[in-house]
Amino acid sequence: MKKLLRRDKLKIYGDLLAVLYDEAKNGKIVITRVMLRSNMPFGRLKLYISELNGLGLIEDETSLQLTEKGKEYLKEYKKVLNFIKRMGIKYR
């Protein structure tokens, strides 16, 4: 059985914000879909949603809409990932 690598907070926040952004395009954000797409259990997902709300990256814990700050984070996160990839560095 292959061992899964652990994600750091930067990766978790980026993945979760990307999922929320994509789901918002489809209309209503369904927490079960977010949970499945972000690959984390409900309890941990609620913890990270609370952290994102506290950081001002999402509007509130019920609507899960990204704020402008959240969209900026996601944009910069994607730039960092592209830079890492161009440098030939492997990042999960």
PDB file of N, CA and C in Angstrom:
ATOM      1  N   MET A   1       0.841  -1.173   0.000  1.00  0.00           N
ATOM      2  CA  MET A   1       0.000   0.000   0.000  1.00  0.00           C
ATOM      3  C   MET A   1       0.890   1.241   0.000  1.00  0.00           C
ATOM      4  N   LYS A   2       0.565   2.192  -0.862  1.00  0.00           N
ATOM      5  CA  LYS A   2       1.349   3.410  -0.996  1.00  0.00           C
ATOM      6  C   LYS A   2       1.001   4.380   0.118  1.00  0.00           C
ATOM      7  N   LYS A   3       2.043   4.932   0.748  1.00  0.00           N
ATOM      8  CA  LYS A   3       1.827   5.892   1.822  1.00  0.00           C
ATOM      9  C   LYS A   3       1.547   7.269   1.221  1.00  0.00           C
ATOM     10  N   LEU A   4       0.501   7.925   1.702  1.00  0.00           N
ATOM     11  CA  LEU A   4       0.140   9.260   1.235  1.00  0.00           C
ATOM     12  C   LEU A   4       0.970  10.303   1.962  1.00  0.00           C
ATOM     13  N   LEU A   5       1.435  11.292   1.214  1.00  0.00           N
ATOM     14  CA  LEU A   5       2.183  12.385   1.817  1.00  0.00           C
ATOM     15  C   LEU A   5       1.229  13.357   2.488  1.00  0.00           C
ATOM     16  N   ARG A   6       1.673  13.917   3.581  1.00  0.00           N
ATOM     17  CA  ARG A   6       0.857  14.894   4.299  1.00  0.00           C
ATOM     18  C   ARG A   6       0.958  16.255   3.614  1.00  0.00           C
ATOM     19  N   ARG A   7      -0.153  16.984   3.625  1.00  0.00           N
ATOM     20  CA  ARG A   7      -0.170  18.328   3.058  1.00  0.00           C
ATOM     21  C   ARG A   7       0.133  19.340   4.160  1.00  0.00           C
ATOM     22  N   ASP A   8       0.870  20.382   3.804  1.00  0.00           N
ATOM     23  CA  ASP A   8       1.075  21.465   4.755  1.00  0.00           C
ATOM     24  C   ASP A   8      -0.100  22.438   4.660  1.00  0.00           C
ATOM     25  N   LYS A   9      -0.146  23.407   5.578  1.00  0.00           N
ATOM     26  CA  LYS A   9      -1.279  24.335   5.605  1.00  0.00           C
ATOM     27  C   LYS A   9      -1.385  25.152   4.330  1.00  0.00           C
ATOM     28  N   LEU A  10      -0.255  25.545   3.774  1.00  0.00           N
ATOM     29  CA  LEU A  10      -0.264  26.300   2.521  1.00  0.00           C
ATOM     30  C   LEU A  10      -1.000  25.520   1.441  1.00  0.00           C
ATOM     31  N   LYS A  11      -0.692  24.243   1.323  1.00  0.00           N
ATOM     32  CA  LYS A  11      -1.315  23.376   0.322  1.00  0.00           C
ATOM     33  C   LYS A  11      -2.800  23.155   0.644  1.00  0.00           C
ATOM     34  N   ILE A  12      -3.106  22.924   1.902  1.00  0.00           N
ATOM     35  CA  ILE A  12      -4.505  22.692   2.296  1.00  0.00           C
ATOM     36  C   ILE A  12      -5.351  23.929   2.019  1.00  0.00           C
ATOM     37  N   TYR A  13      -4.861  25.098   2.438  1.00  0.00           N
ATOM     38  CA  TYR A  13      -5.598  26.333   2.183  1.00  0.00           C
ATOM     39  C   TYR A  13      -5.782  26.559   0.686  1.00  0.00           C
ATOM     40  N   GLY A  14      -4.722  26.365  -0.084  1.00  0.00           N
ATOM     41  CA  GLY A  14      -4.808  26.553  -1.537  1.00  0.00           C
ATOM     42  C   GLY A  14      -5.794  25.596  -2.176  1.00  0.00           C
ATOM     43  N   ASP A  15      -5.715  24.312  -1.793  1.00  0.00           N
ATOM     44  CA  ASP A  15      -6.633  23.313  -2.345  1.00  0.00           C
ATOM     45  C   ASP A  15      -8.080  23.628  -1.977  1.00  0.00           C
ATOM     46  N   LEU A  16      -8.290  23.966  -0.719  1.00  0.00           N
ATOM     47  CA  LEU A  16      -9.648  24.239  -0.247  1.00  0.00           C
ATOM     48  C   LEU A  16     -10.229  25.497  -0.899  1.00  0.00           C
ATOM     49  N   LEU A  17      -9.440  26.545  -1.020  1.00  0.00           N
ATOM     50  CA  LEU A  17      -9.924  27.760  -1.680  1.00  0.00           C
ATOM     51  C   LEU A  17     -10.210  27.509  -3.157  1.00  0.00           C
ATOM     52  N   ALA A  18      -9.385  26.687  -3.812  1.00  0.00           N
ATOM     53  CA  ALA A  18      -9.622  26.358  -5.222  1.00  0.00           C
ATOM     54  C   ALA A  18     -10.928  25.591  -5.382  1.00  0.00           C
ATOM     55  N   VAL A  19     -11.186  24.656  -4.481  1.00  0.00           N
ATOM     56  CA  VAL A  19     -12.438  23.887  -4.532  1.00  0.00           C
ATOM     57  C   VAL A  19     -13.627  24.804  -4.301  1.00  0.00           C
ATOM     58  N   LEU A  20     -13.542  25.680  -3.301  1.00  0.00           N
ATOM     59  CA  LEU A  20     -14.642  26.606  -3.017  1.00  0.00           C
ATOM     60  C   LEU A  20     -14.890  27.546  -4.195  1.00  0.00           C
ATOM     61  N   TYR A  21     -13.831  28.012  -4.821  1.00  0.00           N
ATOM     62  CA  TYR A  21     -13.961  28.887  -5.977  1.00  0.00           C
ATOM     63  C   TYR A  21     -14.648  28.165  -7.135  1.00  0.00           C
ATOM     64  N   ASP A  22     -14.219  26.927  -7.408  1.00  0.00           N
ATOM     65  CA  ASP A  22     -14.827  26.129  -8.482  1.00  0.00           C
ATOM     66  C   ASP A  22     -16.291  25.806  -8.190  1.00  0.00           C
ATOM     67  N   GLU A  23     -16.573  25.438  -6.949  1.00  0.00           N
ATOM     68  CA  GLU A  23     -17.950  25.089  -6.579  1.00  0.00           C
ATOM     69  C   GLU A  23     -18.871  26.304  -6.651  1.00  0.00           C
ATOM     70  N   ALA A  24     -18.344  27.493  -6.351  1.00  0.00           N
ATOM     71  CA  ALA A  24     -19.158  28.713  -6.405  1.00  0.00           C
ATOM     72  C   ALA A  24     -19.606  29.000  -7.830  1.00  0.00           C
ATOM     73  N   LYS A  25     -18.799  28.594  -8.810  1.00  0.00           N
ATOM     74  CA  LYS A  25     -19.174  28.787 -10.216  1.00  0.00           C
ATOM     75  C   LYS A  25     -20.408  27.956 -10.571  1.00  0.00           C
ATOM     76  N   ASN A  26     -20.573  26.813  -9.903  1.00  0.00           N
ATOM     77  CA  ASN A  26     -21.704  25.923 -10.164  1.00  0.00           C
ATOM     78  C   ASN A  26     -22.977  26.370  -9.461  1.00  0.00           C
ATOM     79  N   GLY A  27     -22.885  27.443  -8.699  1.00  0.00           N
ATOM     80  CA  GLY A  27     -24.064  27.916  -7.965  1.00  0.00           C
ATOM     81  C   GLY A  27     -23.878  27.680  -6.486  1.00  0.00           C
ATOM     82  N   LYS A  28     -24.754  26.902  -5.894  1.00  0.00           N
ATOM     83  CA  LYS A  28     -24.722  26.640  -4.462  1.00  0.00           C
ATOM     84  C   LYS A  28     -23.553  25.720  -4.107  1.00  0.00           C
ATOM     85  N   ILE A  29     -22.848  26.086  -3.029  1.00  0.00           N
ATOM     86  CA  ILE A  29     -21.732  25.265  -2.555  1.00  0.00           C
ATOM     87  C   ILE A  29     -22.282  24.208  -1.606  1.00  0.00           C
ATOM     88  N   VAL A  30     -22.034  22.943  -1.933  1.00  0.00           N
ATOM     89  CA  VAL A  30     -22.502  21.822  -1.120  1.00  0.00           C
ATOM     90  C   VAL A  30     -21.306  21.281  -0.341  1.00  0.00           C
ATOM     91  N   ILE A  31     -21.426  21.281   0.983  1.00  0.00           N
ATOM     92  CA  ILE A  31     -20.312  20.911   1.851  1.00  0.00           C
ATOM     93  C   ILE A  31     -19.811  19.491   1.588  1.00  0.00           C
ATOM     94  N   THR A  32     -20.700  18.583   1.228  1.00  0.00           N
ATOM     95  CA  THR A  32     -20.293  17.205   0.938  1.00  0.00           C
ATOM     96  C   THR A  32     -19.382  17.154  -0.281  1.00  0.00           C
ATOM     97  N   ARG A  33     -19.708  17.916  -1.306  1.00  0.00           N
ATOM     98  CA  ARG A  33     -18.845  17.959  -2.497  1.00  0.00           C
ATOM     99  C   ARG A  33     -17.484  18.571  -2.166  1.00  0.00           C
ATOM    100  N   VAL A  34     -17.495  19.616  -1.345  1.00  0.00           N
ATOM    101  CA  VAL A  34     -16.242  20.250  -0.929  1.00  0.00           C
ATOM    102  C   VAL A  34     -15.402  19.244  -0.153  1.00  0.00           C
ATOM    103  N   MET A  35     -16.033  18.518   0.746  1.00  0.00           N
ATOM    104  CA  MET A  35     -15.353  17.512   1.551  1.00  0.00           C
ATOM    105  C   MET A  35     -14.706  16.447   0.663  1.00  0.00           C
ATOM    106  N   LEU A  36     -15.436  15.950  -0.311  1.00  0.00           N
ATOM    107  CA  LEU A  36     -14.910  14.915  -1.199  1.00  0.00           C
ATOM    108  C   LEU A  36     -13.807  15.447  -2.098  1.00  0.00           C
ATOM    109  N   ARG A  37     -14.017  16.633  -2.673  1.00  0.00           N
ATOM    110  CA  ARG A  37     -13.022  17.191  -3.594  1.00  0.00           C
ATOM    111  C   ARG A  37     -11.749  17.629  -2.887  1.00  0.00           C
ATOM    112  N   SER A  38     -11.854  18.072  -1.636  1.00  0.00           N
ATOM    113  CA  SER A  38     -10.671  18.493  -0.896  1.00  0.00           C
ATOM    114  C   SER A  38     -10.007  17.329  -0.163  1.00  0.00           C
ATOM    115  N   ASN A  39     -10.657  16.180  -0.177  1.00  0.00           N
ATOM    116  CA  ASN A  39     -10.121  14.947   0.402  1.00  0.00           C
ATOM    117  C   ASN A  39      -9.797  15.099   1.892  1.00  0.00           C
ATOM    118  N   MET A  40     -10.812  15.536   2.655  1.00  0.00           N
ATOM    119  CA  MET A  40     -10.624  15.606   4.096  1.00  0.00           C
ATOM    120  C   MET A  40     -11.939  15.318   4.809  1.00  0.00           C
ATOM    121  N   PRO A  41     -11.843  14.742   6.010  1.00  0.00           N
ATOM    122  CA  PRO A  41     -13.054  14.434   6.773  1.00  0.00           C
ATOM    123  C   PRO A  41     -13.766  15.707   7.239  1.00  0.00           C
ATOM    124  N   PHE A  42     -15.044  15.549   7.547  1.00  0.00           N
ATOM    125  CA  PHE A  42     -15.893  16.683   7.885  1.00  0.00           C
ATOM    126  C   PHE A  42     -15.347  17.506   9.046  1.00  0.00           C
ATOM    127  N   GLY A  43     -14.909  16.859  10.107  1.00  0.00           N
ATOM    128  CA  GLY A  43     -14.409  17.578  11.286  1.00  0.00           C
ATOM    129  C   GLY A  43     -13.220  18.454  10.966  1.00  0.00           C
ATOM    130  N   ARG A  44     -12.282  17.925  10.212  1.00  0.00           N
ATOM    131  CA  ARG A  44     -11.097  18.696   9.833  1.00  0.00           C
ATOM    132  C   ARG A  44     -11.473  19.809   8.858  1.00  0.00           C
ATOM    133  N   LEU A  45     -12.410  19.520   7.954  1.00  0.00           N
ATOM    134  CA  LEU A  45     -12.872  20.536   7.006  1.00  0.00           C
ATOM    135  C   LEU A  45     -13.474  21.721   7.747  1.00  0.00           C
ATOM    136  N   LYS A  46     -14.313  21.458   8.739  1.00  0.00           N
ATOM    137  CA  LYS A  46     -14.930  22.531   9.526  1.00  0.00           C
ATOM    138  C   LYS A  46     -13.865  23.364  10.243  1.00  0.00           C
ATOM    139  N   LEU A  47     -12.809  22.702  10.724  1.00  0.00           N
ATOM    140  CA  LEU A  47     -11.722  23.413  11.389  1.00  0.00           C
ATOM    141  C   LEU A  47     -11.029  24.368  10.410  1.00  0.00           C
ATOM    142  N   TYR A  48     -10.713  23.887   9.216  1.00  0.00           N
ATOM    143  CA  TYR A  48     -10.045  24.730   8.227  1.00  0.00           C
ATOM    144  C   TYR A  48     -10.959  25.843   7.703  1.00  0.00           C
ATOM    145  N   ILE A  49     -12.234  25.561   7.581  1.00  0.00           N
ATOM    146  CA  ILE A  49     -13.185  26.600   7.168  1.00  0.00           C
ATOM    147  C   ILE A  49     -13.220  27.711   8.217  1.00  0.00           C
ATOM    148  N   SER A  50     -13.201  27.320   9.479  1.00  0.00           N
ATOM    149  CA  SER A  50     -13.175  28.301  10.562  1.00  0.00           C
ATOM    150  C   SER A  50     -11.896  29.140  10.503  1.00  0.00           C
ATOM    151  N   GLU A  51     -10.761  28.501  10.213  1.00  0.00           N
ATOM    152  CA  GLU A  51      -9.502  29.225  10.096  1.00  0.00           C
ATOM    153  C   GLU A  51      -9.526  30.189   8.911  1.00  0.00           C
ATOM    154  N   LEU A  52     -10.050  29.730   7.771  1.00  0.00           N
ATOM    155  CA  LEU A  52     -10.141  30.595   6.588  1.00  0.00           C
ATOM    156  C   LEU A  52     -11.024  31.802   6.865  1.00  0.00           C
ATOM    157  N   ASN A  53     -12.101  31.587   7.604  1.00  0.00           N
ATOM    158  CA  ASN A  53     -12.991  32.680   7.981  1.00  0.00           C
ATOM    159  C   ASN A  53     -12.259  33.656   8.897  1.00  0.00           C
ATOM    160  N   GLY A  54     -11.529  33.143   9.862  1.00  0.00           N
ATOM    161  CA  GLY A  54     -10.775  33.983  10.781  1.00  0.00           C
ATOM    162  C   GLY A  54      -9.709  34.813  10.084  1.00  0.00           C
ATOM    163  N   LEU A  55      -9.143  34.266   9.013  1.00  0.00           N
ATOM    164  CA  LEU A  55      -8.125  34.985   8.246  1.00  0.00           C
ATOM    165  C   LEU A  55      -8.729  35.960   7.234  1.00  0.00           C
ATOM    166  N   GLY A  56     -10.061  35.923   7.097  1.00  0.00           N
ATOM    167  CA  GLY A  56     -10.732  36.824   6.165  1.00  0.00           C
ATOM    168  C   GLY A  56     -10.652  36.361   4.718  1.00  0.00           C
ATOM    169  N   LEU A  57     -10.404  35.070   4.499  1.00  0.00           N
ATOM    170  CA  LEU A  57     -10.296  34.536   3.141  1.00  0.00           C
ATOM    171  C   LEU A  57     -11.644  34.076   2.588  1.00  0.00           C
ATOM    172  N   ILE A  58     -12.599  33.802   3.482  1.00  0.00           N
ATOM    173  CA  ILE A  58     -13.971  33.492   3.067  1.00  0.00           C
ATOM    174  C   ILE A  58     -14.908  34.400   3.849  1.00  0.00           C
ATOM    175  N   GLU A  59     -16.102  34.638   3.281  1.00  0.00           N
ATOM    176  CA  GLU A  59     -17.044  35.581   3.899  1.00  0.00           C
ATOM    177  C   GLU A  59     -17.538  35.103   5.257  1.00  0.00           C
ATOM    178  N   ASP A  60     -18.095  33.910   5.310  1.00  0.00           N
ATOM    179  CA  ASP A  60     -18.531  33.330   6.577  1.00  0.00           C
ATOM    180  C   ASP A  60     -18.558  31.818   6.441  1.00  0.00           C
ATOM    181  N   GLU A  61     -18.795  31.159   7.559  1.00  0.00           N
ATOM    182  CA  GLU A  61     -18.710  29.699   7.588  1.00  0.00           C
ATOM    183  C   GLU A  61     -19.922  28.998   6.983  1.00  0.00           C
ATOM    184  N   THR A  62     -20.942  29.758   6.610  1.00  0.00           N
ATOM    185  CA  THR A  62     -22.119  29.115   6.020  1.00  0.00           C
ATOM    186  C   THR A  62     -22.190  29.309   4.511  1.00  0.00           C
ATOM    187  N   SER A  63     -21.844  30.498   4.018  1.00  0.00           N
ATOM    188  CA  SER A  63     -21.929  30.719   2.567  1.00  0.00           C
ATOM    189  C   SER A  63     -20.695  30.190   1.843  1.00  0.00           C
ATOM    190  N   LEU A  64     -19.532  30.218   2.515  1.00  0.00           N
ATOM    191  CA  LEU A  64     -18.266  29.718   1.970  1.00  0.00           C
ATOM    192  C   LEU A  64     -17.810  30.447   0.708  1.00  0.00           C
ATOM    193  N   GLN A  65     -18.271  31.669   0.505  1.00  0.00           N
ATOM    194  CA  GLN A  65     -17.855  32.467  -0.641  1.00  0.00           C
ATOM    195  C   GLN A  65     -16.493  33.094  -0.357  1.00  0.00           C
ATOM    196  N   LEU A  66     -15.619  33.117  -1.362  1.00  0.00           N
ATOM    197  CA  LEU A  66     -14.313  33.737  -1.200  1.00  0.00           C
ATOM    198  C   LEU A  66     -14.434  35.254  -1.161  1.00  0.00           C
ATOM    199  N   THR A  67     -13.657  35.865  -0.283  1.00  0.00           N
ATOM    200  CA  THR A  67     -13.571  37.321  -0.250  1.00  0.00           C
ATOM    201  C   THR A  67     -12.537  37.738  -1.299  1.00  0.00           C
ATOM    202  N   GLU A  68     -12.370  39.026  -1.482  1.00  0.00           N
ATOM    203  CA  GLU A  68     -11.343  39.509  -2.403  1.00  0.00           C
ATOM    204  C   GLU A  68      -9.964  39.059  -1.926  1.00  0.00           C
ATOM    205  N   LYS A  69      -9.773  39.071  -0.607  1.00  0.00           N
ATOM    206  CA  LYS A  69      -8.508  38.614  -0.032  1.00  0.00           C
ATOM    207  C   LYS A  69      -8.297  37.122  -0.336  1.00  0.00           C
ATOM    208  N   GLY A  70      -9.363  36.330  -0.268  1.00  0.00           N
ATOM    209  CA  GLY A  70      -9.285  34.906  -0.588  1.00  0.00           C
ATOM    210  C   GLY A  70      -8.946  34.673  -2.052  1.00  0.00           C
ATOM    211  N   LYS A  71      -9.543  35.471  -2.930  1.00  0.00           N
ATOM    212  CA  LYS A  71      -9.252  35.354  -4.362  1.00  0.00           C
ATOM    213  C   LYS A  71      -7.805  35.740  -4.648  1.00  0.00           C
ATOM    214  N   GLU A  72      -7.321  36.770  -3.954  1.00  0.00           N
ATOM    215  CA  GLU A  72      -5.925  37.196  -4.111  1.00  0.00           C
ATOM    216  C   GLU A  72      -4.969  36.100  -3.618  1.00  0.00           C
ATOM    217  N   TYR A  73      -5.310  35.478  -2.486  1.00  0.00           N
ATOM    218  CA  TYR A  73      -4.499  34.373  -1.964  1.00  0.00           C
ATOM    219  C   TYR A  73      -4.410  33.255  -2.999  1.00  0.00           C
ATOM    220  N   LEU A  74      -5.548  32.891  -3.557  1.00  0.00           N
ATOM    221  CA  LEU A  74      -5.596  31.810  -4.541  1.00  0.00           C
ATOM    222  C   LEU A  74      -4.771  32.158  -5.778  1.00  0.00           C
ATOM    223  N   LYS A  75      -4.864  33.393  -6.231  1.00  0.00           N
ATOM    224  CA  LYS A  75      -4.100  33.849  -7.395  1.00  0.00           C
ATOM    225  C   LYS A  75      -2.590  33.765  -7.121  1.00  0.00           C
ATOM    226  N   GLU A  76      -2.171  34.263  -5.980  1.00  0.00           N
ATOM    227  CA  GLU A  76      -0.748  34.241  -5.619  1.00  0.00           C
ATOM    228  C   GLU A  76      -0.266  32.814  -5.367  1.00  0.00           C
ATOM    229  N   TYR A  77      -1.110  31.984  -4.781  1.00  0.00           N
ATOM    230  CA  TYR A  77      -0.772  30.579  -4.536  1.00  0.00           C
ATOM    231  C   TYR A  77      -0.490  29.865  -5.862  1.00  0.00           C
ATOM    232  N   LYS A  78      -1.320  30.122  -6.856  1.00  0.00           N
ATOM    233  CA  LYS A  78      -1.116  29.506  -8.170  1.00  0.00           C
ATOM    234  C   LYS A  78       0.184  29.994  -8.808  1.00  0.00           C
ATOM    235  N   LYS A  79       0.517  31.261  -8.595  1.00  0.00           N
ATOM    236  CA  LYS A  79       1.793  31.790  -9.106  1.00  0.00           C
ATOM    237  C   LYS A  79       2.974  31.071  -8.458  1.00  0.00           C
ATOM    238  N   VAL A  80       2.891  30.873  -7.157  1.00  0.00           N
ATOM    239  CA  VAL A  80       3.968  30.179  -6.433  1.00  0.00           C
ATOM    240  C   VAL A  80       4.107  28.749  -6.948  1.00  0.00           C
ATOM    241  N   LEU A  81       2.987  28.057  -7.140  1.00  0.00           N
ATOM    242  CA  LEU A  81       3.038  26.683  -7.654  1.00  0.00           C
ATOM    243  C   LEU A  81       3.667  26.633  -9.040  1.00  0.00           C
ATOM    244  N   ASN A  82       3.312  27.588  -9.893  1.00  0.00           N
ATOM    245  CA  ASN A  82       3.902  27.644 -11.232  1.00  0.00           C
ATOM    246  C   ASN A  82       5.402  27.905 -11.163  1.00  0.00           C
ATOM    247  N   PHE A  83       5.829  28.790 -10.267  1.00  0.00           N
ATOM    248  CA  PHE A  83       7.246  29.070 -10.098  1.00  0.00           C
ATOM    249  C   PHE A  83       7.993  27.822  -9.634  1.00  0.00           C
ATOM    250  N   ILE A  84       7.440  27.141  -8.638  1.00  0.00           N
ATOM    251  CA  ILE A  84       8.071  25.919  -8.129  1.00  0.00           C
ATOM    252  C   ILE A  84       8.204  24.886  -9.240  1.00  0.00           C
ATOM    253  N   LYS A  85       7.163  24.753 -10.041  1.00  0.00           N
ATOM    254  CA  LYS A  85       7.184  23.795 -11.147  1.00  0.00           C
ATOM    255  C   LYS A  85       8.251  24.176 -12.178  1.00  0.00           C
ATOM    256  N   ARG A  86       8.348  25.457 -12.515  1.00  0.00           N
ATOM    257  CA  ARG A  86       9.351  25.923 -13.483  1.00  0.00           C
ATOM    258  C   ARG A  86      10.774  25.688 -12.989  1.00  0.00           C
ATOM    259  N   MET A  87      10.984  25.746 -11.695  1.00  0.00           N
ATOM    260  CA  MET A  87      12.310  25.538 -11.118  1.00  0.00           C
ATOM    261  C   MET A  87      12.661  24.058 -11.003  1.00  0.00           C
ATOM    262  N   GLY A  88      11.695  23.204 -11.322  1.00  0.00           N
ATOM    263  CA  GLY A  88      11.947  21.765 -11.284  1.00  0.00           C
ATOM    264  C   GLY A  88      11.864  21.166  -9.899  1.00  0.00           C
ATOM    265  N   ILE A  89      11.268  21.894  -8.985  1.00  0.00           N
ATOM    266  CA  ILE A  89      11.112  21.410  -7.609  1.00  0.00           C
ATOM    267  C   ILE A  89       9.813  20.633  -7.506  1.00  0.00           C
ATOM    268  N   LYS A  90       9.873  19.472  -6.890  1.00  0.00           N
ATOM    269  CA  LYS A  90       8.662  18.656  -6.731  1.00  0.00           C
ATOM    270  C   LYS A  90       7.934  19.090  -5.465  1.00  0.00           C
ATOM    271  N   TYR A  91       6.697  19.491  -5.634  1.00  0.00           N
ATOM    272  CA  TYR A  91       5.831  19.896  -4.512  1.00  0.00           C
ATOM    273  C   TYR A  91       4.505  19.204  -4.697  1.00  0.00           C
ATOM    274  N   ARG A  92       4.113  18.383  -3.760  1.00  0.00           N
ATOM    275  CA  ARG A  92       2.911  17.575  -3.846  1.00  0.00           C
ATOM    276  C   ARG A  92       1.847  18.349  -4.489  1.00  0.00           C
TER     277      ARG A  92
END
